[in-house]
Amino acid sequence: MAGDGYRVGVLGATGLVGTTILELLAARDFPAAEVVPFASARSAGRELEWNGGTISCRELSPDSIQGLDLVLSSAGGSVSAEWTPRLVAAGATVVDNTSYWRMHDEVPLVVSEVNPEALEGHSGIVANPNCSTMQMVVALKPLFDEAGIERLVVSTYQAVSGTGKAAIDELTEQSHAILHGQEVAKPAIYPRQIAFNVLAQAGSFADGDDHTDEERKLIDETRKILGDQEIRVSATCVRVPVVTGHSEAVNVETREPLSPERARELLEAAPGVTVVDDPAASRFPMAIEAAGRDEVFVGRIRRDPGNERALDLFVVADNLRKGAATNAVQVAELLVERGLLSS
């Protein structure tokens, strides 16, 4: 650590999540003496605006990673697999936003409001969960603590920004073509047209698996974060023509009785949660209102009429912020507060 703060690296600094991380480091006044953005070879040397000045992108190399205290990584799984061990060996603590490290037993999978105590056992790597898992477990944590969870049935409505800028461009271009009576180009990012459509496939299918990788993440990561491998999870992940903000319909079967009224009280008191729940006045969580915000919004809290121990919730959050960048920065703040950065 430098005398006036930490040297912080940001991998994938020119991507949607990376640029949001840079924005949040400045907005939240993170104690950084220097911020070093890393990007691909073609972006090396590119100047980025940060905190009233500019910083220059660097390419990853054995020399360029020296002297970093903390790295926030959103550069993709293959890059993380290769470079995270090198960064740790060079003395950095890495908060990784890719899927590569999440299910490694020795790597804590942390949501700042849910299981910050898991940071105590880190060995240089901390994993950030998948965006859909992230927002769901923030809403589930107070219910889990109060009554336990037996089973979850979740259907997601995932924004295209979760796939990256090219997906936003594809949605925009297809929508423009349709609205102007033009021919829609063959999709390049998604398997089918996304504009004015709903795709019953968010993520990709591994050979022989009838669940997408997004659905598997919801199942496996939820159990790891909440520390309960007995929770049964059924997940269907859907891509919708929304730019930013994932929405989820969640059915929660608790182990002990839990009324909608008590659930609402718990959620209203929970950190990182904002309850928006007045359906008679058409007030419920919406992606368009969650965009640009860091909270997880919960509404439509009601009893499942077919199960006296189950509740239905609607959960919405900005997938680029709380679903990725905000939690990564919050975890970094916890590492500083608790003195858990590698020395």
Protein backbone atom coordinates (compact mmCIF):
# COMPACT_ATOMS: atom_id res chain seq x y z
CA MET A 1 0.00 0.00 0.00
CA ALA A 2 1.21 3.48 -0.88
CA GLY A 3 1.19 6.17 1.76
CA ASP A 4 -2.11 7.65 0.59
CA GLY A 5 -3.96 4.59 -0.62
CA TYR A 6 -3.85 1.36 -2.58
CA ARG A 7 -2.71 0.57 -6.12
CA VAL A 8 -5.82 -0.86 -7.72
CA GLY A 9 -5.94 -2.73 -11.03
CA VAL A 10 -9.13 -3.05 -13.08
CA LEU A 11 -9.11 -5.88 -15.64
CA GLY A 12 -11.51 -5.52 -18.55
CA ALA A 13 -11.55 -1.77 -17.93
CA THR A 14 -13.13 -0.88 -21.29
CA GLY A 15 -16.08 -3.30 -20.97
CA LEU A 16 -19.51 -2.51 -19.54
CA VAL A 17 -18.70 -3.86 -16.07
CA GLY A 18 -15.16 -2.51 -16.07
CA THR A 19 -16.24 1.03 -16.88
CA THR A 20 -18.89 0.81 -14.16
CA ILE A 21 -16.25 -0.34 -11.65
CA LEU A 22 -14.11 2.68 -12.53
CA GLU A 23 -17.10 4.97 -12.07
CA LEU A 24 -17.91 3.44 -8.68
CA LEU A 25 -14.33 3.56 -7.37
CA ALA A 26 -14.43 7.31 -7.89
CA ALA A 27 -18.02 7.86 -6.74
CA ARG A 28 -17.55 5.84 -3.54
CA ASP A 29 -14.19 7.49 -2.80
CA PHE A 30 -12.31 4.21 -2.61
CA PRO A 31 -8.87 4.74 -1.00
CA ALA A 32 -6.86 4.35 -4.19
CA ALA A 33 -3.47 6.00 -4.60
CA GLU A 34 -3.48 4.84 -8.22
CA VAL A 35 -5.95 3.06 -10.49
CA VAL A 36 -4.42 1.00 -13.29
CA PRO A 37 -6.81 -0.04 -16.09
CA PHE A 38 -5.97 -3.20 -18.04
CA ALA A 39 -7.46 -4.08 -21.40
CA SER A 40 -6.74 -6.12 -24.50
CA ALA A 41 -3.71 -5.47 -26.68
CA ARG A 42 -5.79 -3.49 -29.16
CA SER A 43 -6.93 -1.13 -26.38
CA ALA A 44 -3.50 -0.68 -24.79
CA GLY A 45 -2.68 3.02 -24.58
CA ARG A 46 -6.31 4.08 -24.77
CA GLU A 47 -7.06 6.98 -22.42
CA LEU A 48 -10.01 6.65 -20.05
CA GLU A 49 -11.58 9.43 -18.01
CA TRP A 50 -11.39 8.79 -14.28
CA ASN A 51 -12.01 10.98 -11.25
CA GLY A 52 -11.50 14.25 -13.07
CA GLY A 53 -8.43 13.13 -15.01
CA THR A 54 -7.35 10.44 -17.45
CA ILE A 55 -5.70 7.07 -17.02
CA SER A 56 -4.06 4.96 -19.70
CA CYS A 57 -4.96 1.33 -20.42
CA ARG A 58 -2.19 -1.23 -20.13
CA GLU A 59 -1.83 -4.72 -21.49
CA LEU A 60 -1.36 -7.58 -19.03
CA SER A 61 2.26 -8.64 -18.75
CA PRO A 62 4.55 -10.01 -16.02
CA ASP A 63 5.94 -6.50 -15.55
CA SER A 64 2.69 -4.52 -15.69
CA ILE A 65 1.06 -6.48 -12.84
CA GLN A 66 3.79 -5.80 -10.31
CA GLY A 67 3.08 -3.66 -7.25
CA LEU A 68 -0.71 -3.95 -7.24
CA ASP A 69 -2.51 -4.30 -3.89
CA LEU A 70 -5.97 -5.09 -5.26
CA VAL A 71 -7.36 -6.15 -8.62
CA LEU A 72 -11.02 -6.07 -9.70
CA SER A 73 -11.31 -8.42 -12.65
CA SER A 74 -14.01 -8.60 -15.35
CA ALA A 75 -11.90 -9.75 -18.27
CA GLY A 76 -13.47 -13.13 -19.02
CA GLY A 77 -12.95 -16.64 -17.69
CA SER A 78 -9.95 -17.64 -19.79
CA VAL A 79 -8.08 -14.45 -18.89
CA SER A 80 -8.93 -14.92 -15.23
CA ALA A 81 -7.81 -18.56 -15.25
CA GLU A 82 -4.41 -17.57 -16.60
CA TRP A 83 -3.73 -14.26 -14.86
CA THR A 84 -5.41 -14.45 -11.45
CA PRO A 85 -2.80 -16.86 -10.02
CA ARG A 86 -0.06 -14.62 -11.42
CA LEU A 87 -1.61 -11.54 -9.84
CA VAL A 88 -1.88 -13.29 -6.47
CA ALA A 89 1.73 -14.48 -6.73
CA ALA A 90 2.72 -10.86 -7.43
CA GLY A 91 1.08 -9.79 -4.17
CA ALA A 92 -2.42 -8.66 -5.17
CA THR A 93 -5.78 -9.71 -3.81
CA VAL A 94 -8.16 -10.38 -6.71
CA VAL A 95 -11.94 -9.84 -6.67
CA ASP A 96 -12.99 -11.79 -9.74
CA ASN A 97 -16.26 -11.19 -11.57
CA THR A 98 -15.97 -14.10 -14.00
CA SER A 99 -17.50 -17.55 -13.52
CA TYR A 100 -14.13 -19.32 -13.45
CA TRP A 101 -13.39 -19.30 -9.69
CA ARG A 102 -16.88 -19.27 -8.20
CA MET A 103 -17.29 -22.96 -7.46
CA HIS A 104 -13.70 -23.65 -6.38
CA ASP A 105 -13.98 -24.91 -2.81
CA GLU A 106 -11.08 -22.77 -1.58
CA VAL A 107 -12.44 -19.53 -3.10
CA PRO A 108 -15.11 -17.63 -1.15
CA LEU A 109 -18.16 -16.56 -3.18
CA VAL A 110 -19.23 -13.34 -1.53
CA VAL A 111 -22.21 -10.98 -1.57
CA SER A 112 -21.46 -8.03 0.68
CA GLU A 113 -24.84 -7.99 2.49
CA VAL A 114 -25.19 -11.78 2.68
CA ASN A 115 -21.97 -13.57 3.68
CA PRO A 116 -19.15 -11.07 4.32
CA GLU A 117 -17.71 -13.43 6.94
CA ALA A 118 -16.61 -15.75 4.11
CA LEU A 119 -13.87 -13.24 3.28
CA GLU A 120 -11.92 -14.27 6.37
CA GLY A 121 -10.74 -17.48 4.71
CA HIS A 122 -9.62 -16.11 1.37
CA SER A 123 -6.24 -17.05 -0.09
CA GLY A 124 -5.88 -14.13 -2.46
CA ILE A 125 -8.97 -14.73 -4.62
CA VAL A 126 -12.56 -13.70 -3.90
CA ALA A 127 -15.30 -14.56 -6.41
CA ASN A 128 -18.22 -12.32 -7.34
CA PRO A 129 -21.42 -14.29 -8.05
CA ASN A 130 -23.44 -14.31 -11.24
CA CYS A 131 -25.69 -11.26 -11.56
CA SER A 132 -28.97 -13.18 -11.31
CA THR A 133 -27.80 -15.10 -8.26
CA MET A 134 -26.50 -11.91 -6.68
CA GLN A 135 -29.75 -10.00 -6.56
CA MET A 136 -31.79 -13.04 -5.58
CA VAL A 137 -29.70 -13.98 -2.54
CA VAL A 138 -29.76 -10.37 -1.26
CA ALA A 139 -33.56 -10.68 -1.16
CA LEU A 140 -33.50 -14.25 0.19
CA LYS A 141 -31.00 -13.75 3.03
CA PRO A 142 -33.40 -12.25 5.63
CA LEU A 143 -36.02 -14.90 4.84
CA PHE A 144 -33.41 -17.67 5.03
CA ASP A 145 -32.21 -16.45 8.43
CA GLU A 146 -35.76 -16.25 9.78
CA ALA A 147 -37.34 -19.44 8.47
CA GLY A 148 -34.85 -21.44 6.40
CA ILE A 149 -35.44 -22.31 2.75
CA GLU A 150 -36.62 -25.68 1.51
CA ARG A 151 -37.10 -24.96 -2.18
CA LEU A 152 -36.83 -22.16 -4.74
CA VAL A 153 -38.52 -21.89 -8.11
CA VAL A 154 -37.13 -18.93 -10.05
CA SER A 155 -37.79 -17.57 -13.52
CA THR A 156 -35.52 -14.77 -14.70
CA TYR A 157 -36.10 -12.00 -17.23
CA GLN A 158 -32.54 -11.00 -18.09
CA ALA A 159 -31.44 -7.80 -19.83
CA VAL A 160 -29.18 -7.91 -22.86
CA SER A 161 -26.43 -5.87 -21.22
CA GLY A 162 -25.57 -9.05 -19.33
CA THR A 163 -24.14 -10.32 -22.62
CA GLY A 164 -22.14 -7.15 -23.34
CA LYS A 165 -22.20 -4.08 -25.54
CA ALA A 166 -22.54 -6.08 -28.76
CA ALA A 167 -25.83 -7.48 -27.46
CA ILE A 168 -27.13 -3.97 -26.73
CA ASP A 169 -26.16 -2.96 -30.26
CA GLU A 170 -27.94 -6.00 -31.70
CA LEU A 171 -31.16 -5.19 -29.81
CA THR A 172 -30.96 -1.54 -30.88
CA GLU A 173 -30.30 -2.33 -34.53
CA GLN A 174 -33.03 -4.95 -34.75
CA SER A 175 -35.55 -2.62 -33.07
CA HIS A 176 -34.63 0.21 -35.45
CA ALA A 177 -35.10 -2.05 -38.45
CA ILE A 178 -38.50 -3.29 -37.30
CA LEU A 179 -39.78 0.18 -36.41
CA HIS A 180 -38.70 1.51 -39.81
CA GLY A 181 -40.06 -1.38 -41.86
CA GLN A 182 -36.61 -2.66 -42.79
CA GLU A 183 -35.30 -6.18 -43.03
CA VAL A 184 -33.87 -7.48 -39.77
CA ALA A 185 -30.30 -8.73 -40.10
CA LYS A 186 -29.48 -12.28 -39.08
CA PRO A 187 -28.69 -12.38 -35.34
CA ALA A 188 -25.00 -12.53 -34.45
CA ILE A 189 -25.05 -12.47 -30.65
CA TYR A 190 -28.18 -14.42 -29.79
CA PRO A 191 -29.44 -17.56 -31.54
CA ARG A 192 -32.73 -15.85 -32.47
CA GLN A 193 -34.07 -12.32 -32.86
CA ILE A 194 -34.20 -10.55 -29.47
CA ALA A 195 -36.08 -7.36 -30.47
CA PHE A 196 -39.80 -7.58 -29.65
CA ASN A 197 -39.24 -11.16 -28.57
CA VAL A 198 -38.50 -13.33 -25.53
CA LEU A 199 -35.86 -16.07 -25.69
CA ALA A 200 -36.28 -19.07 -23.40
CA GLN A 201 -32.51 -19.33 -23.27
CA ALA A 202 -30.24 -17.08 -21.25
CA GLY A 203 -26.77 -18.56 -21.37
CA SER A 204 -25.60 -21.60 -23.28
CA PHE A 205 -26.25 -25.33 -23.15
CA ALA A 206 -23.38 -27.67 -22.37
CA ASP A 207 -23.38 -30.98 -24.24
CA GLY A 208 -25.89 -33.33 -22.68
CA ASP A 209 -27.36 -30.73 -20.30
CA ASP A 210 -30.95 -29.54 -20.60
CA HIS A 211 -30.20 -26.54 -18.35
CA THR A 212 -28.23 -23.49 -19.48
CA ASP A 213 -25.09 -22.40 -17.66
CA GLU A 214 -27.05 -19.43 -16.29
CA GLU A 215 -29.54 -21.83 -14.72
CA ARG A 216 -26.77 -24.00 -13.26
CA LYS A 217 -25.16 -20.89 -11.75
CA LEU A 218 -28.40 -19.98 -9.99
CA ILE A 219 -28.65 -23.50 -8.57
CA ASP A 220 -25.05 -24.01 -7.47
CA GLU A 221 -24.11 -20.49 -6.41
CA THR A 222 -27.22 -19.97 -4.28
CA ARG A 223 -26.41 -23.05 -2.24
CA LYS A 224 -22.77 -22.04 -1.78
CA ILE A 225 -23.51 -18.44 -0.76
CA LEU A 226 -26.25 -19.37 1.70
CA GLY A 227 -24.21 -22.31 2.97
CA ASP A 228 -26.98 -24.88 2.54
CA GLN A 229 -26.54 -27.66 0.00
CA GLU A 230 -30.00 -29.05 0.81
CA ILE A 231 -31.90 -26.17 -0.82
CA ARG A 232 -33.70 -27.44 -3.90
CA VAL A 233 -33.60 -24.97 -6.78
CA SER A 234 -35.55 -24.99 -10.04
CA ALA A 235 -34.44 -22.28 -12.47
CA THR A 236 -35.53 -21.06 -15.90
CA CYS A 237 -33.46 -18.20 -17.33
CA VAL A 238 -35.00 -16.07 -20.06
CA ARG A 239 -33.55 -13.23 -22.16
CA VAL A 240 -35.84 -10.24 -22.75
CA PRO A 241 -35.50 -7.08 -24.89
CA VAL A 242 -34.48 -4.83 -21.99
CA VAL A 243 -31.14 -3.01 -21.98
CA THR A 244 -30.38 -2.91 -18.26
CA GLY A 245 -31.98 -4.55 -15.22
CA HIS A 246 -32.64 -8.21 -14.52
CA SER A 247 -36.05 -9.21 -13.15
CA GLU A 248 -36.92 -12.43 -11.35
CA ALA A 249 -40.12 -14.14 -10.26
CA VAL A 250 -39.14 -16.16 -7.18
CA ASN A 251 -41.23 -18.73 -5.34
CA VAL A 252 -39.72 -19.42 -1.89
CA GLU A 253 -40.80 -22.44 0.15
CA THR A 254 -39.55 -21.91 3.69
CA ARG A 255 -38.80 -24.61 6.27
CA GLU A 256 -40.72 -22.78 9.01
CA PRO A 257 -43.95 -20.81 8.63
CA LEU A 258 -43.44 -17.24 7.38
CA SER A 259 -46.27 -14.83 6.64
CA PRO A 260 -46.13 -12.27 3.81
CA GLU A 261 -46.43 -9.53 6.43
CA ARG A 262 -43.40 -10.78 8.37
CA ALA A 263 -41.45 -11.28 5.14
CA ARG A 264 -42.18 -7.67 4.19
CA GLU A 265 -40.95 -6.47 7.59
CA LEU A 266 -37.74 -8.46 7.24
CA LEU A 267 -37.10 -7.19 3.71
CA GLU A 268 -37.78 -3.56 4.67
CA ALA A 269 -35.09 -3.86 7.36
CA ALA A 270 -32.58 -5.75 5.21
CA PRO A 271 -29.40 -4.02 4.00
CA GLY A 272 -29.29 -3.32 0.28
CA VAL A 273 -33.02 -3.97 -0.21
CA THR A 274 -35.76 -1.51 -1.17
CA VAL A 275 -39.33 -2.77 -0.96
CA VAL A 276 -41.68 -1.46 -3.67
CA ASP A 277 -44.94 -3.24 -3.04
CA ASP A 278 -48.25 -1.49 -3.68
CA PRO A 279 -49.73 -3.43 -6.60
CA ALA A 280 -53.12 -1.70 -6.33
CA ALA A 281 -51.34 1.52 -7.26
CA SER A 282 -49.23 -0.29 -9.89
CA ARG A 283 -46.12 0.13 -7.74
CA PHE A 284 -43.77 -2.80 -8.06
CA PRO A 285 -40.11 -3.24 -9.01
CA MET A 286 -39.29 -2.36 -12.62
CA ALA A 287 -36.05 -2.66 -14.56
CA ILE A 288 -36.38 0.86 -15.93
CA GLU A 289 -36.38 2.28 -12.39
CA ALA A 290 -33.65 -0.03 -11.06
CA ALA A 291 -31.21 0.97 -13.81
CA GLY A 292 -28.44 3.11 -12.40
CA ARG A 293 -29.26 2.15 -8.81
CA ASP A 294 -27.35 -0.08 -6.39
CA GLU A 295 -30.25 -1.51 -4.39
CA VAL A 296 -32.14 -4.75 -4.93
CA PHE A 297 -35.84 -3.97 -5.34
CA VAL A 298 -38.45 -6.44 -4.05
CA GLY A 299 -42.21 -6.40 -4.46
CA ARG A 300 -45.34 -8.48 -5.18
CA ILE A 301 -44.77 -10.18 -1.79
CA ARG A 302 -47.65 -12.62 -1.37
CA ARG A 303 -48.65 -16.09 -0.28
CA ASP A 304 -48.47 -18.91 -2.82
CA PRO A 305 -52.12 -20.04 -2.84
CA GLY A 306 -51.03 -23.61 -3.53
CA ASN A 307 -48.53 -23.91 -0.69
CA GLU A 308 -48.97 -22.55 2.86
CA ARG A 309 -45.20 -22.49 3.37
CA ALA A 310 -44.37 -20.67 0.16
CA LEU A 311 -44.20 -17.00 -0.80
CA ASP A 312 -43.97 -15.31 -4.19
CA LEU A 313 -41.63 -12.35 -4.75
CA PHE A 314 -40.60 -10.17 -7.67
CA VAL A 315 -36.94 -9.12 -7.53
CA VAL A 316 -35.24 -6.53 -9.76
CA ALA A 317 -31.74 -5.01 -9.84
CA ASP A 318 -29.31 -3.31 -12.19
CA ASN A 319 -27.24 -6.25 -13.46
CA LEU A 320 -24.21 -4.09 -14.24
CA ARG A 321 -24.16 -2.42 -10.83
CA LYS A 322 -25.32 -4.58 -7.90
CA GLY A 323 -25.25 -7.61 -10.17
CA ALA A 324 -21.54 -7.10 -10.89
CA ALA A 325 -19.58 -3.87 -10.38
CA THR A 326 -21.16 -2.56 -7.18
CA ASN A 327 -20.71 -5.80 -5.28
CA ALA A 328 -17.10 -6.09 -6.48
CA VAL A 329 -16.34 -2.62 -5.10
CA GLN A 330 -18.29 -3.34 -1.90
CA VAL A 331 -16.22 -6.50 -1.40
CA ALA A 332 -13.06 -4.47 -1.97
CA GLU A 333 -14.23 -2.01 0.69
CA LEU A 334 -14.82 -4.89 3.13
CA LEU A 335 -11.33 -6.26 2.44
CA VAL A 336 -9.87 -2.86 3.33
CA GLU A 337 -12.07 -2.37 6.41
CA ARG A 338 -11.20 -5.81 7.77
CA GLY A 339 -7.50 -5.64 6.93
CA LEU A 340 -7.77 -8.63 4.62
CA LEU A 341 -5.77 -7.48 1.61
CA SER A 342 -2.67 -9.55 0.91
CA SER A 343 0.41 -8.02 2.45
